[in-house]
Amino acid sequence: MRNPNGIRILLLLLPPLLFLFGLAALTNILERISKNYFNDGLGRDIRSGASQITLSRPGSNDTTVTIDTDNAPTITILALCLLGYLVSLLSAAGIWQLRRTEGTAGHERMWTWIIFVSNVVMVGASLGVFGYVTSVQSSDSSWQGYEDVGQDDQEHTRETWACQIDKFFPEEDWAGTACGTAKAMRYMVIALAVAALSVFVSLWVLVRARGGVKWAFGGKGRYAAFASVYEMQPPGPPSPYTGPQGQQWVQQPGQQWAGQPTVQQWGPQPVQQWGPQLVPPQPVSQVPKSDATVGQRRTPKIPVASHHEDELFPPSLDIAHSKSESRVGSQKSNDLENFDYPYNKTGRPAMPYTVGATFTAHRHVPPAPFGNGYNTPWPPFKTGHFRLPQLNYCLIRPPIGGCTLEESYTLTITDIIRTGSIYGAQVVLVNGNIVAKIYDPLYDDEFDIFDDKRDVVVLSDGDYSREAAAYDELRRDPKAQRVVPEYYGSWTIDVNTVVDGQMYTRHVRLILMEYIPGTVMTAIKPLLLSVETRSAIMKKVLEAESLIFAAGILHRDIAPRNVMLVSPSPTSSLDDPGVRIVIIDFNVSNVIRLSEPHPGDSDSAYIQQQWPGRIMGPVTRFWNAMGDFAFKGWVGSKAETTNEWLWECFGEREEYVPLVRDAGDRKACPGIDWSGELKKGSNEAVIGAVKDTVGSRA
């Protein structure tokens, strides 16, 4: 197959289509075979039209028996087969929908419950039908001897007729086949119940990928578009929304889409102190990984330059780069849009981000962050040339415009940190001591885990816009700066791509940040550490996340793969109290003040008014949401135990907003102790503060 994930989809569809549908069809076939053999062995009374058969009893004359059949069990089984067809098709449709990643949570939960309920009904109906048919068959009085054959007014099921004729009159060879198929049809009902149960295996695989049973019941779960990203909504009063105006997406010639601002282009203004600025191109000495010292890697020597206000929005270089437009706007563009164009449709050119590669980067103001909690309008998604091969699509569709500035800097790749299509963004070391995270859609994975084609251009733009927005927000908070890499801004480079001897130039976005000489938590085996050391490290991780949350960022993907441990010295061990925690990867995060508010969000302004100097601790965000750390062995596997550890470590600390637990339900997530403030002061004062907050929202 083109992609091995197609085999996974096939396996997920096997229970409803092959097992349930196939067994229902086989049951139908057995019924037809049994009926045909049974009817072929009978005759008809010319006068009454009743079915009858003449049997030769030993030592007596032939006996004619009128066959009166009880068809209720057969009809019940056939009705169950029809239900099986319906349930199998519903289950297959639901699995097909759930294997996709574009559906909303409500849409996916609806299909989850359709599959679950329909198969529960199928299992229950199958067991009920089997019990009914078996009881009828058991109570059906059969012949005890030849003298019973000629009794009048006999009524039996088809199975009873065929089996007793086969028993007492074996010369009637049709009866054995009719008896066997009738029995097989009855026991196939059990197989239908097992087939319906097997559908739950496929359903569990899909539900588990979204967060398990709690997700199905509307609780915290994983976002389908991102791997292992937990929804973490803090409780409390809703916060006001003060985000920017949304973008208006205007179609440009040749299906090139660019975001146009309604008021102003989102991005840091000159007075917002963009932090370290990169100077114009200058000679850079390459520092191989083996020769670079920790000091060279850790301390980027980047002089500070200032921007004038008239430099913020010059003519966008995304439009001015004539080299790229002359290539894509030529006849070659028409070839790229042709699905039948003969060159390599599935492969990609060799990775350009290799040691020694040099690029000229221009400072770039990103578009407004969109997706994953922001209410900024999305650019056109999975439209136009989306179905083209990835190479064609990336050559035709540029990234969202943003605003490219004149300031430039030469970047030379000196080491590889993480590259390849399985990683999304490409991460390399440039100029010896700076990390470049490159959002190149051409080298992103073309298909998701469900074998759906991804709109890599739009998804890369979303990652870039969200991560740049998060780092820019974090640089304003000195405390948060201690637990994240230092940020050196967002940039754009031109990457040349050669196809069939023709040169194409693509605009590729990236961000630059401090190199952290540390160890990712996934590279550590926590079970080799003492319980005290693991607990101390986890406390630091959640304390770091709380500083980030207090700075206005909801990370959404705090997991061992996104946490680095930095030792104070090369000889330090992990139980050293000086171990530093650094949180990375903000591509699925939210700047809270720019995001769409949700019911239950805490009002940070009101919280600061009530508890000056305090911040929200990690308890409410990580309650029942430590699965990634539990899977790697950093915390216990039982959620109740981990929740108690959370409460013991953070529930009553002075620097955090006070929380209270439900005395009647210790498993429930704690909430902000609003009653504590009522006890401290007069009700009128607190009510007045609430009114002031509500008034400010209006």
Foldseek 3Di string as FASTA:
>chain_A
DLDVLVVVLVVLLCLLVVQLLVLLVVLVVLVVLLVVLLQVQWDADPVPRFTWHWACAPPDHIAIATEAEDCVLVVLLNVLSVLSNVLSVLLSVLLVVLLDQPDDLVVNLVSLVSNVVSLVVSLVSLVVSLVVSVVLQVPQDADPDPVVRRDPPHYYHSLRVLVNCCVRPVVSVSSVSSNVSVVVSSVSSVSSSVSSVVSVVSSQVSQVQFAGPQSSVVHWTHRSVDGQFTDFFAFAFWAFADAADAWDWDQDPLRAIATDDPPDFDFDAQVLPQDFEAAAEDDFDFAAPVRFDPVLQFDDPGHHDGDDRVQPFDPAVVPVPVQQCVQCVDVVVVLLLDLVNPDDQADFPDDQQDAFRKWKKFFFGAGAADDQFFPHDAHDFCDDSLPGRLVSLQSRYAAHRGGTGPGIYMWGFRAFDDFAQDPQWGWTDTSRHKIKTWRRLSRHDQADSSRDGGSSRRLSSNLLNQQQVLLSLQVVQPVLPQAAWAWHHKIWTWDWGADPNRIHIGIIIITMTGRAPFAQQLVDQCVVPDLVLLLLVVLQLQVSCQSSVQSQKDQSNPASRFKTWHDPDPPDDSSPNPIGIHGDRRSSMDRRNRGDIDHRHHHVVLLCVLQPQATAGCLSRCQVPCCRCCVSPSDPPDSLRVSVSCCVSPQDDPRHQHWDADPVDNSDRIHGPPVVSCVVDPPVVSVVSVVVSVVVSD
